[in-house]
Amino acid sequence: MNDEVIDVDSLRKESNWQPASWQAFEAKQQAHYPDQAALQAALDELSSLPPLVTSWEILSLKEQIAQAQAGERFFLQGGDCAESFAECNSDVITNRLKVLLQMSLALTHGLQKPVVRVGRFAGQYAKPRSSDVETRDGVTLPSYRGDLVNSVEFTAEARRPDPQRLIHGHAMSSMTMNFVRALVDGGFADLHHPEYWNLSWVKHSPLAEEFQRLADSLGRAVNFMETISGRRAGALKRVDFYTSHEALHLHYEQASTRQVPRQTGWFDLTTHFPWIGMRTADVDGAHVEYFRGIRNPVGIKIGPGADAVQVQKLLEILNPQSEPGRMVLIHRMGASRIEEKLPPLIRAVQDTGSPVLWVCDPMHGNTETTGSGIKTRRFRNIMSEMELAIELHHQNSSHLGGAHLELTGEDVTECTGGARNLDETDLERAYKSIVDPRLNYEQALELSMLIVSKFEKLA
């Protein structure tokens, strides 16, 4: 980019959108590759590889999001803050899928509506950074931008952006998706046997007995339906499952943006549900321009710094036809600021008449650092923001239709509080995240049950 002022409105009106249209706009949070020829070679290879998802899966998700916008479904999005290539293994993937399935089981049973299951994985390899560089002991190197770009080790070689990581990231995502599809299609989510989903250490959880009662109740309901119908509910053996990631690395997304037979327009085939992060949601920026042209349902992270004009402009650019199922607004205000910041945005969106799905991310606005320098989140603040979000939408004639969470199926200790009342001393026991703290299995399941409880109180 040069310093020339760009007339964004004229540029959007005059040009027909193409996957590379974003390159005429200011692109934030992009990696700086020293070898441009190597980058182009990697992108050429990526563009010839098979896609990770299909257009019909994307359109199916869009239909389900439209139903969630109408209050007929609940949207559950969860997974790692940043995937790593090293954790592309069967145990990690299986446990991550288990916790999302168990949460959706609790939500489906308690809310009495289907759950849209979206995993933050199979592509969550790039992360935004507050600075392009990091300095330690007088040495300055490029910041770690996720395994899609460079490596976390603090050496010049590890931090050098490597275009071949784009190819490797596509392969890791493909293996993850293939394994998830095989598990789901093979009956891993069979509601006849919810006990199969239990993790090996769930028996130690204070919530184990409550979850067991929930699973038994659902099992009896399934058996009852089959008894009165006289046939086995085969459809209950599998569930729909979708992937999502922050579409941060625009060259990577562009390389898999394609037209498909018997469909109009362009699809980002790296994921079913891409979203724009808070740091790149500039209405005149490259990310918004890229998202403008794809047919996927799209999310936007909305922070406490967003104002009514910006949100209305984003809806105007990204969904000019007010298409149902297209827009998901993921607000992340923090427990201490949501009561002030969220209601004006709800009213601003209502004024547009545009259909949106409101989703609460109670994680990012509640991050803090302990006295010993460990990044964490307090479970009580996470739950407080979630409860306040439900209340505020209700008070403003709106509806909170989903939750966006950073979680893992591993027995980590990264967030304090929860049923076992983890404290700061527990963080050192099993803190594994290299970026942001995640809910562990017990905390995630507890949160899903508390969400149900809050909605029941407002019913």
Protein backbone atom coordinates (compact mmCIF):
# COMPACT_ATOMS: atom_id res chain seq x y z
CA MET A 1 0.00 0.00 0.00
CA ASN A 2 1.14 3.58 -0.68
CA ASP A 3 0.11 6.77 1.11
CA GLU A 4 -2.42 7.75 -1.55
CA VAL A 5 -5.91 8.46 -0.18
CA ILE A 6 -8.38 5.86 -1.41
CA ASP A 7 -11.92 6.85 -2.38
CA VAL A 8 -13.44 3.65 -0.99
CA ASP A 9 -17.06 4.33 -1.98
CA SER A 10 -16.14 5.08 -5.60
CA LEU A 11 -13.87 2.06 -5.77
CA ARG A 12 -16.66 -0.26 -4.57
CA LYS A 13 -19.17 1.22 -7.01
CA GLU A 14 -16.90 1.19 -10.04
CA SER A 15 -15.39 -2.28 -9.79
CA ASN A 16 -16.87 -5.74 -10.06
CA TRP A 17 -15.88 -7.67 -6.94
CA GLN A 18 -13.18 -10.31 -7.35
CA PRO A 19 -11.37 -12.38 -4.70
CA ALA A 20 -8.36 -10.06 -5.04
CA SER A 21 -10.38 -6.81 -4.77
CA TRP A 22 -9.26 -6.39 -1.15
CA GLN A 23 -5.71 -5.72 -2.31
CA ALA A 24 -6.71 -2.17 -3.33
CA PHE A 25 -7.67 -1.42 0.30
CA GLU A 26 -5.70 -0.97 3.51
CA ALA A 27 -5.03 -4.44 4.93
CA LYS A 28 -4.27 -4.61 8.65
CA GLN A 29 -2.76 -7.50 10.61
CA GLN A 30 -1.08 -9.08 7.60
CA ALA A 31 2.21 -10.97 7.70
CA HIS A 32 5.19 -9.40 5.93
CA TYR A 33 6.88 -12.04 3.76
CA PRO A 34 10.48 -11.28 2.80
CA ASP A 35 10.29 -13.52 -0.28
CA GLN A 36 7.33 -12.44 -2.41
CA ALA A 37 8.09 -14.97 -5.14
CA ALA A 38 7.90 -17.81 -2.60
CA LEU A 39 4.60 -16.42 -1.30
CA GLN A 40 3.11 -16.33 -4.80
CA ALA A 41 4.25 -19.89 -5.50
CA ALA A 42 2.58 -21.08 -2.29
CA LEU A 43 -0.63 -19.24 -3.16
CA ASP A 44 -0.64 -20.74 -6.66
CA GLU A 45 -0.34 -24.19 -5.13
CA LEU A 46 -3.12 -23.44 -2.62
CA SER A 47 -5.47 -22.31 -5.35
CA SER A 48 -5.16 -25.69 -7.07
CA LEU A 49 -5.82 -27.80 -3.96
CA PRO A 50 -9.27 -29.27 -3.23
CA PRO A 51 -11.48 -27.06 -1.04
CA LEU A 52 -11.91 -27.78 2.67
CA VAL A 53 -15.71 -27.32 2.65
CA THR A 54 -18.47 -27.31 0.05
CA SER A 55 -20.92 -24.67 -1.10
CA TRP A 56 -23.95 -26.78 -0.11
CA GLU A 57 -22.64 -27.12 3.43
CA ILE A 58 -22.19 -23.34 3.57
CA LEU A 59 -25.72 -22.73 2.32
CA SER A 60 -27.10 -25.26 4.81
CA LEU A 61 -25.40 -23.37 7.64
CA LYS A 62 -26.79 -20.10 6.33
CA GLU A 63 -30.29 -21.58 6.48
CA GLN A 64 -29.76 -22.72 10.06
CA ILE A 65 -28.45 -19.28 11.05
CA ALA A 66 -31.61 -17.75 9.54
CA GLN A 67 -33.62 -20.05 11.80
CA ALA A 68 -31.52 -18.95 14.79
CA GLN A 69 -32.21 -15.33 13.85
CA ALA A 70 -35.90 -16.19 14.12
CA GLY A 71 -35.38 -17.72 17.57
CA GLU A 72 -35.87 -21.28 16.36
CA ARG A 73 -32.28 -22.46 17.04
CA PHE A 74 -29.39 -21.61 19.37
CA PHE A 75 -25.93 -20.98 17.91
CA LEU A 76 -22.97 -22.54 19.76
CA GLN A 77 -19.50 -21.62 18.51
CA GLY A 78 -16.48 -22.88 20.41
CA GLY A 79 -12.92 -24.07 20.18
CA ASP A 80 -9.33 -23.02 20.61
CA CYS A 81 -8.18 -19.42 20.61
CA ALA A 82 -5.37 -20.51 18.29
CA GLU A 83 -4.82 -23.98 16.90
CA SER A 84 -1.30 -25.30 16.64
CA PHE A 85 0.04 -27.79 14.14
CA ALA A 86 1.40 -29.88 17.03
CA GLU A 87 -2.12 -30.44 18.39
CA CYS A 88 -3.50 -31.86 15.16
CA ASN A 89 -3.94 -35.30 16.72
CA SER A 90 -6.87 -37.61 17.32
CA ASP A 91 -7.12 -37.17 21.10
CA VAL A 92 -7.23 -33.37 21.00
CA ILE A 93 -9.75 -33.31 18.14
CA THR A 94 -11.95 -35.97 19.72
CA ASN A 95 -12.03 -34.23 23.11
CA ARG A 96 -12.79 -30.87 21.50
CA LEU A 97 -15.68 -32.42 19.61
CA LYS A 98 -16.92 -34.17 22.75
CA VAL A 99 -17.16 -31.02 24.82
CA LEU A 100 -19.06 -29.17 22.08
CA LEU A 101 -21.46 -32.09 21.68
CA GLN A 102 -22.05 -32.31 25.41
CA MET A 103 -22.66 -28.57 25.65
CA SER A 104 -25.11 -28.76 22.76
CA LEU A 105 -26.84 -31.67 24.49
CA ALA A 106 -27.38 -29.55 27.62
CA LEU A 107 -28.54 -26.56 25.57
CA THR A 108 -30.89 -28.57 23.35
CA HIS A 109 -32.47 -30.27 26.35
CA GLY A 110 -32.79 -27.08 28.40
CA LEU A 111 -33.81 -24.59 25.69
CA GLN A 112 -36.01 -27.09 23.84
CA LYS A 113 -34.65 -26.07 20.46
CA PRO A 114 -31.99 -27.42 18.06
CA VAL A 115 -28.44 -26.16 18.40
CA VAL A 116 -26.26 -24.99 15.50
CA ARG A 117 -22.83 -26.48 16.24
CA VAL A 118 -19.85 -24.53 14.95
CA GLY A 119 -16.27 -25.41 15.89
CA ARG A 120 -13.47 -22.84 16.03
CA PHE A 121 -11.07 -25.26 14.37
CA ALA A 122 -9.74 -26.65 11.09
CA GLY A 123 -8.27 -23.26 10.19
CA GLN A 124 -7.86 -21.19 13.39
CA TYR A 125 -4.11 -20.96 12.79
CA ALA A 126 -3.66 -17.18 12.38
CA LYS A 127 -3.87 -14.65 15.19
CA PRO A 128 -3.91 -10.84 15.33
CA ARG A 129 -1.16 -9.12 17.30
CA SER A 130 -1.00 -5.78 19.06
CA SER A 131 2.43 -5.11 17.51
CA ASP A 132 4.32 -6.30 14.42
CA VAL A 133 7.39 -6.97 16.53
CA GLU A 134 8.29 -8.38 19.94
CA THR A 135 11.35 -7.42 22.01
CA ARG A 136 13.03 -9.60 24.62
CA ASP A 137 16.30 -8.78 26.38
CA GLY A 138 17.13 -6.19 23.75
CA VAL A 139 16.40 -8.52 20.80
CA THR A 140 13.55 -7.52 18.45
CA LEU A 141 11.89 -10.10 16.19
CA PRO A 142 8.59 -10.36 14.26
CA SER A 143 5.63 -11.20 16.49
CA TYR A 144 4.22 -14.70 16.48
CA ARG A 145 1.14 -14.56 14.22
CA GLY A 146 0.02 -18.16 14.54
CA ASP A 147 1.31 -21.38 13.04
CA LEU A 148 -0.08 -20.39 9.65
CA VAL A 149 2.62 -17.69 9.48
CA ASN A 150 5.57 -18.47 11.77
CA SER A 151 6.60 -20.36 14.90
CA VAL A 152 6.28 -19.37 18.55
CA GLU A 153 9.96 -19.97 19.43
CA PHE A 154 11.84 -16.70 19.91
CA THR A 155 14.53 -17.09 17.25
CA ALA A 156 15.08 -15.24 14.00
CA GLU A 157 14.51 -18.38 11.94
CA ALA A 158 11.33 -19.41 13.78
CA ARG A 159 9.77 -15.94 13.58
CA ARG A 160 10.48 -15.48 9.88
CA PRO A 161 7.13 -15.72 7.98
CA ASP A 162 7.23 -18.86 5.86
CA PRO A 163 4.79 -19.21 2.91
CA GLN A 164 5.04 -23.01 3.05
CA ARG A 165 3.15 -22.84 6.33
CA LEU A 166 0.07 -21.86 4.31
CA ILE A 167 0.24 -25.20 2.51
CA HIS A 168 0.86 -27.02 5.78
CA GLY A 169 -2.06 -25.21 7.43
CA HIS A 170 -4.37 -26.30 4.62
CA ALA A 171 -3.23 -29.90 5.11
CA MET A 172 -3.73 -29.75 8.90
CA SER A 173 -7.20 -28.28 8.41
CA SER A 174 -8.06 -30.97 5.88
CA MET A 175 -6.99 -33.77 8.24
CA THR A 176 -8.96 -32.23 11.09
CA MET A 177 -12.10 -31.88 8.98
CA ASN A 178 -11.81 -35.41 7.59
CA PHE A 179 -11.53 -36.85 11.10
CA VAL A 180 -14.47 -34.80 12.42
CA ARG A 181 -16.64 -35.82 9.47
CA ALA A 182 -15.72 -39.47 9.99
CA LEU A 183 -16.59 -39.30 13.69
CA VAL A 184 -19.91 -37.58 13.08
CA ASP A 185 -20.92 -39.77 10.13
CA GLY A 186 -19.89 -42.88 12.05
CA GLY A 187 -22.32 -42.24 14.88
CA PHE A 188 -19.98 -40.54 17.37
CA ALA A 189 -22.83 -38.16 18.20
CA ASP A 190 -25.46 -40.91 18.52
CA LEU A 191 -28.08 -39.68 20.99
CA HIS A 192 -28.85 -43.30 21.88
CA HIS A 193 -25.49 -43.37 23.66
CA PRO A 194 -24.65 -39.95 25.12
CA GLU A 195 -22.50 -41.72 27.68
CA TYR A 196 -19.97 -42.37 24.90
CA TRP A 197 -19.17 -38.66 24.90
CA ASN A 198 -17.90 -38.55 28.48
CA LEU A 199 -14.26 -37.67 28.94
CA SER A 200 -12.21 -40.00 31.10
CA TRP A 201 -12.00 -37.52 33.98
CA VAL A 202 -15.64 -36.30 34.00
CA LYS A 203 -16.38 -38.45 37.05
CA HIS A 204 -14.29 -36.03 39.13
CA SER A 205 -16.48 -33.06 38.20
CA PRO A 206 -19.00 -31.67 40.70
CA LEU A 207 -21.38 -31.50 37.73
CA ALA A 208 -21.01 -35.18 36.79
CA GLU A 209 -24.21 -36.26 38.55
CA GLU A 210 -26.25 -33.43 37.07
CA PHE A 211 -25.01 -34.20 33.57
CA GLN A 212 -25.76 -37.89 34.05
CA ARG A 213 -29.37 -37.05 34.94
CA LEU A 214 -29.58 -34.90 31.81
CA ALA A 215 -28.15 -37.66 29.61
CA ASP A 216 -30.50 -40.27 31.12
CA SER A 217 -33.48 -37.98 30.58
CA LEU A 218 -32.58 -37.46 26.94
CA GLY A 219 -32.07 -41.19 26.46
CA ARG A 220 -35.53 -41.89 27.83
CA ALA A 221 -37.01 -39.25 25.51
CA VAL A 222 -35.33 -40.87 22.48
CA ASN A 223 -36.61 -44.30 23.48
CA PHE A 224 -40.11 -42.90 23.98
CA MET A 225 -40.16 -41.39 20.48
CA GLU A 226 -39.04 -44.67 18.98
CA THR A 227 -41.61 -46.65 20.96
CA ILE A 228 -44.58 -44.59 19.84
CA SER A 229 -43.35 -44.38 16.23
CA GLY A 230 -42.44 -48.05 16.01
CA ARG A 231 -39.11 -47.37 14.31
CA ARG A 232 -35.58 -46.44 15.28
CA ALA A 233 -34.74 -42.75 15.04
CA GLY A 234 -31.78 -43.21 12.72
CA ALA A 235 -31.34 -39.49 12.13
CA LEU A 236 -30.40 -39.10 15.77
CA LYS A 237 -27.17 -40.98 15.16
CA ARG A 238 -25.52 -37.97 13.55
CA VAL A 239 -25.53 -34.19 13.79
CA ASP A 240 -24.60 -31.32 11.52
CA PHE A 241 -21.25 -29.82 12.42
CA TYR A 242 -19.61 -26.76 10.90
CA THR A 243 -16.21 -25.07 11.11
CA SER A 244 -15.23 -21.45 11.61
CA HIS A 245 -12.15 -19.28 11.94
CA GLU A 246 -11.17 -15.64 11.91
CA ALA A 247 -10.43 -14.91 8.25
CA LEU A 248 -7.38 -12.86 9.12
CA HIS A 249 -4.81 -13.91 6.53
CA LEU A 250 -6.40 -12.54 3.37
CA HIS A 251 -4.00 -14.13 0.86
CA TYR A 252 -4.83 -17.54 2.36
CA GLU A 253 -8.59 -16.91 2.12
CA GLN A 254 -8.32 -15.53 -1.41
CA ALA A 255 -6.52 -18.64 -2.66
CA SER A 256 -9.54 -20.81 -1.76
CA THR A 257 -12.27 -18.40 -2.86
CA ARG A 258 -13.99 -19.93 -5.84
CA GLN A 259 -17.06 -20.10 -8.01
CA VAL A 260 -18.82 -23.46 -8.12
CA PRO A 261 -21.11 -25.17 -10.64
CA ARG A 262 -24.83 -24.41 -10.42
CA GLN A 263 -24.32 -21.59 -7.93
CA THR A 264 -23.91 -17.86 -8.42
CA GLY A 265 -21.26 -15.77 -6.73
CA TRP A 266 -18.11 -16.66 -4.82
CA PHE A 267 -17.57 -18.90 -1.79
CA ASP A 268 -14.73 -18.90 0.72
CA LEU A 269 -14.09 -22.65 0.77
CA THR A 270 -11.57 -22.64 3.64
CA THR A 271 -14.41 -22.70 6.19
CA HIS A 272 -18.18 -22.63 6.54
CA PHE A 273 -18.28 -19.55 8.75
CA PRO A 274 -15.49 -16.94 8.57
CA TRP A 275 -15.54 -13.90 10.81
CA ILE A 276 -13.91 -10.47 11.01
CA GLY A 277 -12.05 -9.70 14.22
CA MET A 278 -12.45 -6.46 16.15
CA ARG A 279 -9.04 -5.19 15.01
CA THR A 280 -9.89 -5.53 11.31
CA ALA A 281 -13.56 -4.43 11.20
CA ASP A 282 -12.79 -1.05 9.63
CA VAL A 283 -15.60 -0.25 7.17
CA ASP A 284 -13.01 1.07 4.69
CA GLY A 285 -10.55 -1.79 5.22
CA ALA A 286 -9.50 -4.80 3.20
CA HIS A 287 -11.22 -7.39 5.38
CA VAL A 288 -14.64 -5.81 5.00
CA GLU A 289 -14.03 -5.51 1.25
CA TYR A 290 -13.13 -9.21 1.01
CA PHE A 291 -16.15 -10.29 3.05
CA ARG A 292 -18.43 -8.11 0.93
CA GLY A 293 -18.09 -10.47 -2.01
CA ILE A 294 -18.39 -13.96 -0.52
CA ARG A 295 -21.66 -15.84 -0.07
CA ASN A 296 -20.78 -17.48 3.25
CA PRO A 297 -22.61 -16.42 6.36
CA VAL A 298 -20.20 -14.04 8.10
CA GLY A 299 -19.55 -12.85 11.63
CA ILE A 300 -18.23 -9.55 12.94
CA LYS A 301 -16.70 -9.10 16.38
CA ILE A 302 -18.15 -5.99 18.01
CA GLY A 303 -16.19 -4.46 20.90
CA PRO A 304 -16.90 -1.63 23.35
CA GLY A 305 -15.27 0.87 20.96
CA ALA A 306 -17.84 0.25 18.22
CA ASP A 307 -20.51 2.88 17.64
CA ALA A 308 -23.95 2.83 16.05
CA VAL A 309 -22.81 4.45 12.79
CA GLN A 310 -20.03 1.90 12.27
CA VAL A 311 -22.30 -1.08 12.91
CA GLN A 312 -25.01 0.25 10.61
CA LYS A 313 -22.45 0.91 7.87
CA LEU A 314 -21.06 -2.63 8.21
CA LEU A 315 -24.54 -4.08 7.72
CA GLU A 316 -25.13 -1.82 4.73
CA ILE A 317 -21.88 -2.96 3.05
CA LEU A 318 -21.98 -6.65 3.95
CA ASN A 319 -25.69 -7.34 3.63
CA PRO A 320 -27.25 -4.70 1.36
CA GLN A 321 -30.14 -7.02 0.44
CA SER A 322 -30.95 -7.85 4.10
CA GLU A 323 -30.54 -11.54 3.37
CA PRO A 324 -31.62 -13.83 6.25
CA GLY A 325 -28.83 -16.04 7.60
CA ARG A 326 -26.06 -13.79 6.29
CA MET A 327 -25.03 -11.69 9.32
CA VAL A 328 -23.87 -12.69 12.79
CA LEU A 329 -22.87 -9.94 15.23
CA ILE A 330 -20.62 -11.26 18.01
CA HIS A 331 -20.41 -8.73 20.83
CA ARG A 332 -17.52 -8.83 23.29
CA MET A 333 -17.87 -5.97 25.74
CA GLY A 334 -16.64 -7.21 29.11
CA ALA A 335 -18.81 -7.72 32.18
CA SER A 336 -18.11 -4.20 33.46
CA ARG A 337 -19.05 -2.41 30.21
CA ILE A 338 -21.81 -4.40 28.54
CA GLU A 339 -24.70 -2.59 30.25
CA GLU A 340 -23.45 0.73 28.92
CA LYS A 341 -22.26 -0.30 25.46
CA LEU A 342 -24.64 -2.96 24.17
CA PRO A 343 -28.15 -1.39 24.28
CA PRO A 344 -27.34 1.51 21.88
CA LEU A 345 -25.98 -0.99 19.35
CA ILE A 346 -29.06 -3.20 19.64
CA ARG A 347 -31.28 -0.20 18.91
CA ALA A 348 -29.05 0.90 16.01
CA VAL A 349 -29.35 -2.51 14.37
CA GLN A 350 -33.11 -2.56 14.93
CA ASP A 351 -33.35 0.78 13.13
CA THR A 352 -31.81 -0.77 10.00
CA GLY A 353 -34.37 -3.59 9.81
CA SER A 354 -31.55 -5.93 8.79
CA PRO A 355 -31.84 -9.50 10.11
CA VAL A 356 -28.90 -10.39 12.36
CA LEU A 357 -28.04 -13.15 14.78
CA TRP A 358 -26.76 -11.70 18.06
CA VAL A 359 -24.10 -13.84 19.72
CA CYS A 360 -22.26 -13.14 22.98
CA ASP A 361 -18.52 -13.66 23.32
CA PRO A 362 -18.03 -13.40 27.10
CA MET A 363 -14.36 -14.35 26.90
CA HIS A 364 -12.30 -11.58 25.27
CA GLY A 365 -13.64 -8.61 27.21
CA ASN A 366 -12.77 -10.29 30.50
CA THR A 367 -9.10 -11.12 30.02
CA GLU A 368 -6.73 -10.03 32.78
CA THR A 369 -3.17 -10.71 33.94
CA THR A 370 -2.25 -12.05 37.36
CA GLY A 371 0.45 -10.53 39.54
CA SER A 372 2.84 -13.21 38.29
CA GLY A 373 2.18 -12.30 34.65
CA ILE A 374 -0.20 -15.12 33.66
CA LYS A 375 -3.04 -14.20 31.33
CA THR A 376 -6.36 -15.55 32.65
CA ARG A 377 -10.13 -15.01 32.86
CA ARG A 378 -12.43 -15.28 35.86
CA PHE A 379 -15.34 -17.66 35.36
CA ARG A 380 -17.65 -15.39 37.35
CA ASN A 381 -16.96 -12.50 34.94
CA ILE A 382 -17.55 -14.74 31.93
CA MET A 383 -20.86 -15.90 33.37
CA SER A 384 -21.81 -12.37 34.43
CA GLU A 385 -21.37 -11.03 30.89
CA MET A 386 -23.36 -13.95 29.50
CA GLU A 387 -26.24 -13.38 31.93
CA LEU A 388 -26.24 -9.62 31.34
CA ALA A 389 -26.29 -10.17 27.57
CA ILE A 390 -29.37 -12.37 27.85
CA GLU A 391 -31.09 -9.79 30.08
CA LEU A 392 -30.17 -6.76 27.95
CA HIS A 393 -31.45 -8.28 24.74
CA HIS A 394 -34.66 -9.25 26.50
CA GLN A 395 -35.10 -5.72 27.89
CA ASN A 396 -34.53 -4.18 24.45
CA SER A 397 -37.01 -6.39 22.56
CA SER A 398 -34.12 -8.33 21.03
CA HIS A 399 -32.95 -11.91 21.40
CA LEU A 400 -29.55 -13.33 22.20
CA GLY A 401 -29.25 -16.31 19.89
CA GLY A 402 -25.84 -17.77 20.62
CA ALA A 403 -22.54 -18.00 22.47
CA HIS A 404 -18.99 -17.73 21.11
CA LEU A 405 -16.46 -19.39 23.43
CA GLU A 406 -12.79 -20.24 23.66
CA LEU A 407 -12.67 -23.72 25.17
CA THR A 408 -10.90 -27.04 25.05
CA GLY A 409 -11.74 -30.63 25.83
CA GLU A 410 -8.46 -30.95 27.71
CA ASP A 411 -8.15 -30.87 31.50
CA VAL A 412 -6.42 -27.47 31.55
CA THR A 413 -6.32 -24.81 34.26
CA GLU A 414 -6.34 -21.50 32.40
CA CYS A 415 -9.46 -19.72 33.71
CA THR A 416 -10.06 -19.30 37.44
CA GLY A 417 -13.31 -20.17 39.21
CA GLY A 418 -16.01 -22.56 38.09
CA ALA A 419 -17.44 -25.55 39.93
CA ARG A 420 -14.05 -26.52 41.35
CA ASN A 421 -13.25 -22.89 42.23
CA LEU A 422 -9.81 -22.85 40.60
CA ASP A 423 -7.57 -20.07 41.92
CA GLU A 424 -4.38 -18.43 40.67
CA THR A 425 -2.19 -21.15 42.17
CA ASP A 426 -4.03 -23.74 40.04
CA LEU A 427 -3.09 -21.94 36.81
CA GLU A 428 0.47 -23.24 36.93
CA ARG A 429 -0.72 -26.86 37.13
CA ALA A 430 -1.97 -27.26 33.56
CA TYR A 431 -1.71 -24.00 31.62
CA LYS A 432 -1.15 -25.02 27.98
CA SER A 433 -2.47 -22.19 25.79
CA ILE A 434 0.15 -20.19 23.90
CA VAL A 435 -2.22 -17.29 23.24
CA ASP A 436 -5.45 -16.87 25.26
CA PRO A 437 -6.86 -18.74 28.28
CA ARG A 438 -9.65 -21.23 27.56
CA LEU A 439 -12.47 -22.80 29.51
CA ASN A 440 -11.78 -26.42 30.35
CA TYR A 441 -14.37 -29.15 29.90
CA GLU A 442 -16.00 -28.74 33.31
CA GLN A 443 -16.22 -24.96 33.06
CA ALA A 444 -17.65 -25.14 29.53
CA LEU A 445 -20.33 -27.61 30.54
CA GLU A 446 -21.17 -25.58 33.65
CA LEU A 447 -21.54 -22.47 31.50
CA SER A 448 -23.99 -24.22 29.16
CA MET A 449 -26.14 -25.28 32.12
CA LEU A 450 -26.11 -21.76 33.58
CA ILE A 451 -27.14 -20.32 30.19
CA VAL A 452 -30.15 -22.60 30.20
CA SER A 453 -30.99 -21.56 33.76
CA LYS A 454 -30.88 -17.87 32.84
CA PHE A 455 -33.18 -18.27 29.85
CA GLU A 456 -35.60 -20.30 31.97
CA LYS A 457 -35.84 -17.47 34.51
CA LEU A 458 -36.81 -15.02 31.76
CA ALA A 459 -39.34 -17.34 30.14
